[in-house]
N, C-alpha and C. Protein backbone atom coordinates (compact mmCIF):
# COMPACT_ATOMS: atom_id res chain seq x y z
N MET A 1 75.89 37.99 86.36
CA MET A 1 76.40 38.76 85.66
C MET A 1 76.14 40.01 86.76
N ALA A 2 75.09 40.30 87.62
CA ALA A 2 75.05 41.35 88.59
C ALA A 2 76.10 41.07 89.85
N ALA A 3 76.82 39.81 90.11
CA ALA A 3 77.75 39.61 90.93
C ALA A 3 79.02 40.45 90.56
N ILE A 4 79.32 40.02 88.73
CA ILE A 4 80.78 41.11 88.68
C ILE A 4 80.38 42.59 88.68
N CYS A 5 79.17 42.76 88.31
CA CYS A 5 78.59 44.49 88.50
C CYS A 5 78.95 45.05 89.96
N GLN A 6 78.81 44.06 90.99
CA GLN A 6 78.84 44.45 92.00
C GLN A 6 80.27 44.55 92.65
N ARG A 7 81.09 43.57 92.22
CA ARG A 7 82.65 43.73 92.41
C ARG A 7 83.22 44.70 91.71
N LEU A 8 82.78 44.80 90.52
CA LEU A 8 83.05 46.14 89.82
C LEU A 8 82.81 47.36 90.42
N SER A 9 81.75 47.42 90.88
CA SER A 9 81.41 48.84 91.69
C SER A 9 82.47 48.92 92.89
N GLU A 10 82.53 47.81 93.61
CA GLU A 10 83.45 47.93 94.57
C GLU A 10 84.86 48.41 94.42
N SER A 11 85.41 47.31 93.27
CA SER A 11 86.68 48.20 93.05
C SER A 11 86.89 49.21 92.51
N MET A 12 85.73 50.18 92.20
CA MET A 12 86.27 51.80 91.46
C MET A 12 86.31 52.64 92.60
N TRP A 13 85.88 52.40 93.73
CA TRP A 13 85.99 53.33 95.00
C TRP A 13 87.23 53.74 95.44
N PRO A 14 88.12 52.67 95.64
CA PRO A 14 89.56 53.11 95.76
C PRO A 14 90.17 54.04 94.60
N THR A 15 89.68 53.84 93.15
CA THR A 15 90.02 54.50 91.89
C THR A 15 89.71 55.87 92.16
N GLU A 16 88.42 55.94 92.35
CA GLU A 16 87.73 57.58 92.49
C GLU A 16 88.69 58.20 93.73
N LEU A 17 88.75 57.58 94.63
CA LEU A 17 89.25 58.24 95.83
C LEU A 17 90.77 58.79 95.18
N GLY A 18 91.27 57.81 94.75
CA GLY A 18 92.95 58.21 94.08
C GLY A 18 92.94 59.35 93.36
N LEU A 19 92.05 59.23 92.49
CA LEU A 19 91.64 60.36 91.47
C LEU A 19 91.30 62.03 92.17
N LEU A 20 90.40 61.92 93.30
CA LEU A 20 90.00 62.63 94.05
C LEU A 20 91.58 63.52 94.61
N VAL A 21 92.01 62.70 95.49
CA VAL A 21 93.53 62.94 96.21
C VAL A 21 94.58 63.54 94.84
N GLY A 22 94.42 63.22 94.05
CA GLY A 22 95.61 63.35 93.13
C GLY A 22 95.00 64.88 92.66
N LEU A 23 93.80 65.08 92.20
CA LEU A 23 93.26 66.49 91.66
C LEU A 23 93.58 67.17 93.01
N ILE A 24 93.26 67.28 94.18
CA ILE A 24 93.61 68.06 95.23
C ILE A 24 95.22 68.26 95.10
N ALA A 25 95.78 67.68 95.20
CA ALA A 25 97.32 67.55 95.26
C ALA A 25 97.54 68.62 94.16
N LEU A 26 96.92 68.35 93.01
CA LEU A 26 97.44 69.08 92.01
C LEU A 26 97.15 70.35 91.90
N TRP A 27 95.85 70.86 92.23
CA TRP A 27 95.52 72.12 92.73
C TRP A 27 96.06 72.74 93.59
N SER A 28 96.61 71.96 94.56
CA SER A 28 97.32 72.72 95.58
C SER A 28 99.09 73.19 95.27
N TYR A 29 99.43 72.22 94.40
CA TYR A 29 100.66 72.58 93.98
C TYR A 29 100.66 73.84 92.69
N GLU A 30 99.77 73.82 92.10
CA GLU A 30 99.83 74.88 91.29
C GLU A 30 99.57 76.08 92.39
N TYR A 31 98.60 76.45 92.90
CA TYR A 31 98.39 77.39 94.01
C TYR A 31 99.68 77.54 94.78
N LEU A 32 100.47 76.78 95.12
CA LEU A 32 101.89 76.91 95.77
C LEU A 32 102.87 77.31 94.98
N ALA A 33 102.89 76.97 93.82
CA ALA A 33 103.92 77.14 92.82
C ALA A 33 103.52 78.73 92.45
N GLY A 34 102.42 79.26 92.36
CA GLY A 34 101.85 80.65 92.07
C GLY A 34 102.11 81.38 93.19
N GLN A 35 102.09 80.93 94.40
CA GLN A 35 102.61 81.82 95.38
C GLN A 35 104.01 81.97 95.12
N LEU A 36 104.88 81.12 95.33
CA LEU A 36 106.16 80.95 95.31
C LEU A 36 106.66 81.93 94.24
N SER A 37 105.97 82.00 92.93
CA SER A 37 106.39 82.68 91.53
C SER A 37 106.60 83.99 91.99
N ALA A 38 105.22 84.49 92.62
CA ALA A 38 105.00 85.99 92.94
C ALA A 38 105.89 86.34 93.89
N LEU A 39 106.04 85.39 94.85
CA LEU A 39 107.38 85.69 96.12
C LEU A 39 108.56 86.04 95.08
N ASP A 40 108.85 85.27 94.31
CA ASP A 40 110.07 85.28 93.62
C ASP A 40 110.38 86.67 92.65
N GLN A 41 109.46 87.06 91.96
CA GLN A 41 109.30 88.16 91.84
C GLN A 41 109.37 89.58 92.54
N GLU A 42 108.53 89.35 93.91
CA GLU A 42 108.90 90.55 94.63
C GLU A 42 110.27 90.51 95.25
N MET A 43 110.83 89.54 95.56
CA MET A 43 112.09 89.48 95.76
C MET A 43 113.25 90.12 95.07
N GLU A 44 112.97 89.69 93.86
CA GLU A 44 113.71 90.19 92.44
C GLU A 44 113.76 91.76 92.38
N SER A 45 112.22 92.26 92.43
CA SER A 45 112.04 93.53 92.26
C SER A 45 112.94 94.54 93.46
N ALA A 46 112.68 93.83 94.83
CA ALA A 46 113.49 94.72 95.70
C ALA A 46 114.50 94.58 95.95
N SER A 47 115.35 93.39 95.34
CA SER A 47 116.88 93.66 95.22
C SER A 47 117.14 94.50 93.99
N LEU A 48 116.48 94.78 93.03
CA LEU A 48 116.65 95.63 91.85
C LEU A 48 116.59 97.21 92.57
N GLU A 49 115.58 97.28 93.37
CA GLU A 49 115.48 98.70 94.20
C GLU A 49 116.41 98.75 94.83
N LEU A 50 116.96 97.97 95.62
CA LEU A 50 118.08 98.26 96.59
C LEU A 50 119.37 98.59 95.76
N LEU A 51 119.56 97.98 94.61
CA LEU A 51 120.76 98.39 93.90
C LEU A 51 120.38 99.88 93.42
N ASN A 52 119.29 100.13 92.95
CA ASN A 52 119.14 101.22 92.34
C ASN A 52 119.23 102.08 93.58
N GLN A 53 118.88 101.84 94.38
CA GLN A 53 119.23 103.17 95.59
C GLN A 53 120.74 103.42 95.77
N LEU A 54 121.26 101.96 96.08
CA LEU A 54 122.64 101.94 96.17
C LEU A 54 123.15 102.95 95.09
N GLY A 55 122.86 102.63 94.02
CA GLY A 55 123.58 103.35 92.60
C GLY A 55 123.22 105.33 92.95
N ARG A 56 122.07 105.45 93.64
CA ARG A 56 121.68 106.90 93.77
C ARG A 56 123.03 107.43 94.38
N PHE A 57 123.01 106.43 95.66
CA PHE A 57 123.83 107.00 96.91
C PHE A 57 125.50 106.86 96.79
N ARG A 58 126.04 106.30 95.74
CA ARG A 58 127.24 106.12 95.31
C ARG A 58 127.99 106.98 95.34
N CYS A 59 127.79 108.22 94.99
CA CYS A 59 128.72 109.28 94.86
C CYS A 59 128.88 109.39 96.47
N ARG A 60 127.49 109.31 97.10
CA ARG A 60 127.76 110.20 98.70
C ARG A 60 128.64 109.39 99.19
N LEU A 61 128.74 108.11 98.80
CA LEU A 61 129.66 107.19 99.79
C LEU A 61 130.91 107.08 99.48
N HIS A 62 131.16 107.48 98.12
CA HIS A 62 132.55 107.63 97.47
C HIS A 62 133.44 108.87 98.17
N SER A 63 132.22 109.88 98.16
CA SER A 63 132.95 110.97 99.06
C SER A 63 133.06 110.81 100.55
N PHE A 64 132.09 110.16 101.02
CA PHE A 64 132.18 110.18 102.76
C PHE A 64 133.48 109.20 102.92
N TRP A 65 134.07 108.31 102.00
CA TRP A 65 135.20 107.35 101.95
C TRP A 65 136.35 108.25 102.06
N GLN A 66 136.23 108.95 100.72
CA GLN A 66 137.36 110.04 100.45
C GLN A 66 137.86 110.84 101.35
N ALA A 67 136.50 111.49 102.22
CA ALA A 67 136.59 112.35 103.15
C ALA A 67 137.39 111.59 104.50
N HIS A 68 137.47 110.47 104.65
CA HIS A 68 138.06 109.76 105.78
C HIS A 68 139.32 109.09 105.16
N GLY A 69 139.82 109.48 104.46
CA GLY A 69 141.34 109.12 104.06
C GLY A 69 141.41 108.07 103.15
N TYR A 70 140.54 107.60 102.27
CA TYR A 70 140.74 106.19 101.42
C TYR A 70 140.66 106.72 100.08
N ASN A 71 141.69 106.49 99.50
CA ASN A 71 141.52 106.59 98.04
C ASN A 71 140.94 105.41 97.16
N LEU A 72 139.58 105.63 96.97
CA LEU A 72 139.31 104.41 96.46
C LEU A 72 139.38 104.42 94.96
N ALA A 73 140.05 105.05 93.90
CA ALA A 73 140.03 105.40 92.67
C ALA A 73 141.19 104.20 92.72
N CYS A 74 142.09 104.37 93.57
CA CYS A 74 143.28 102.92 92.87
C CYS A 74 143.01 101.72 93.56
N ILE A 75 141.98 101.84 94.49
CA ILE A 75 141.46 100.25 94.90
C ILE A 75 140.69 99.56 93.96
N ARG A 76 141.09 98.59 93.54
CA ARG A 76 140.30 97.80 92.36
C ARG A 76 140.29 96.08 93.18
N GLU A 77 139.08 95.98 93.43
CA GLU A 77 139.02 94.38 93.83
C GLU A 77 138.87 93.44 92.54
N GLU A 78 139.48 92.42 92.82
CA GLU A 78 139.54 91.33 91.74
C GLU A 78 138.40 90.21 92.33
N PRO A 79 138.16 89.21 91.79
CA PRO A 79 137.36 88.43 92.28
C PRO A 79 138.06 87.61 93.08
N LEU A 80 137.81 87.22 94.31
CA LEU A 80 137.95 86.62 95.25
C LEU A 80 137.58 84.95 95.03
N LEU A 81 138.47 84.05 95.79
CA LEU A 81 138.34 83.19 95.95
C LEU A 81 137.57 82.73 97.19
N PHE A 82 136.91 81.52 97.70
CA PHE A 82 136.43 81.20 98.78
C PHE A 82 137.62 81.42 100.28
N GLY A 83 137.38 82.15 101.26
CA GLY A 83 138.08 82.37 102.44
C GLY A 83 139.43 83.44 102.06
N GLN A 84 139.28 84.09 100.77
CA GLN A 84 140.44 85.04 100.71
C GLN A 84 140.03 86.44 101.39
N ILE A 85 140.62 87.61 101.58
CA ILE A 85 140.38 88.82 101.69
C ILE A 85 140.70 89.91 100.69
N GLY A 86 139.78 90.85 100.57
CA GLY A 86 140.10 91.61 99.52
C GLY A 86 140.82 92.74 100.20
N ARG A 87 141.50 93.60 98.93
CA ARG A 87 142.40 94.76 99.21
C ARG A 87 141.70 95.73 100.50
N MET A 88 140.50 96.13 100.26
CA MET A 88 139.71 96.89 100.70
C MET A 88 139.49 96.39 102.11
N GLN A 89 139.14 94.97 102.24
CA GLN A 89 138.84 94.92 103.80
C GLN A 89 140.21 94.83 104.74
N ILE A 90 141.42 94.36 103.85
CA ILE A 90 142.58 94.79 104.83
C ILE A 90 142.72 96.16 104.87
N ILE A 91 142.83 96.82 104.26
CA ILE A 91 142.82 98.31 104.38
C ILE A 91 141.80 98.80 105.41
N LEU A 92 140.73 98.37 105.78
CA LEU A 92 139.58 98.79 106.92
C LEU A 92 139.97 98.31 107.93
N ASP A 93 140.74 97.07 107.72
CA ASP A 93 141.20 96.24 109.23
C ASP A 93 142.16 96.79 109.42
N GLU A 94 142.97 97.47 108.92
CA GLU A 94 144.31 97.93 109.49
C GLU A 94 144.44 99.56 109.91
N GLN A 95 142.62 100.10 109.29
CA GLN A 95 142.46 101.35 109.79
C GLN A 95 142.10 101.22 111.40
N TRP A 96 141.22 100.18 111.15
CA TRP A 96 140.36 99.89 112.61
C TRP A 96 140.87 99.12 113.55
N SER A 97 142.00 98.82 113.54
CA SER A 97 143.07 97.71 114.23
C SER A 97 143.40 98.87 115.76
N ILE A 98 143.80 97.84 116.66
CA ILE A 98 144.11 98.64 117.70
C ILE A 98 145.60 98.63 117.90
N ALA A 99 146.07 100.05 117.71
CA ALA A 99 147.57 99.69 118.06
C ALA A 99 148.25 99.75 119.25
């Protein structure tokens, strides 16, 4: 009986070590997932702040482009496929091309 208990005790060490490694991995995963979630929320709020700032200065940018001869009211961009160039980009390219 003592020999069986001795072998059983020796076979428990790898199991205990595996459980310890598994718990450390689980805690590390939870920590890193929390950090990633916080970073994701921070990036989302930063992008919303950028959109808010751009929205505030939209009128200024619109008047700037109109002052330089662009009629933005008639230029409407459709959704573009990969590799296509929009009308606004064509107008800007024509304006800045070397004649």
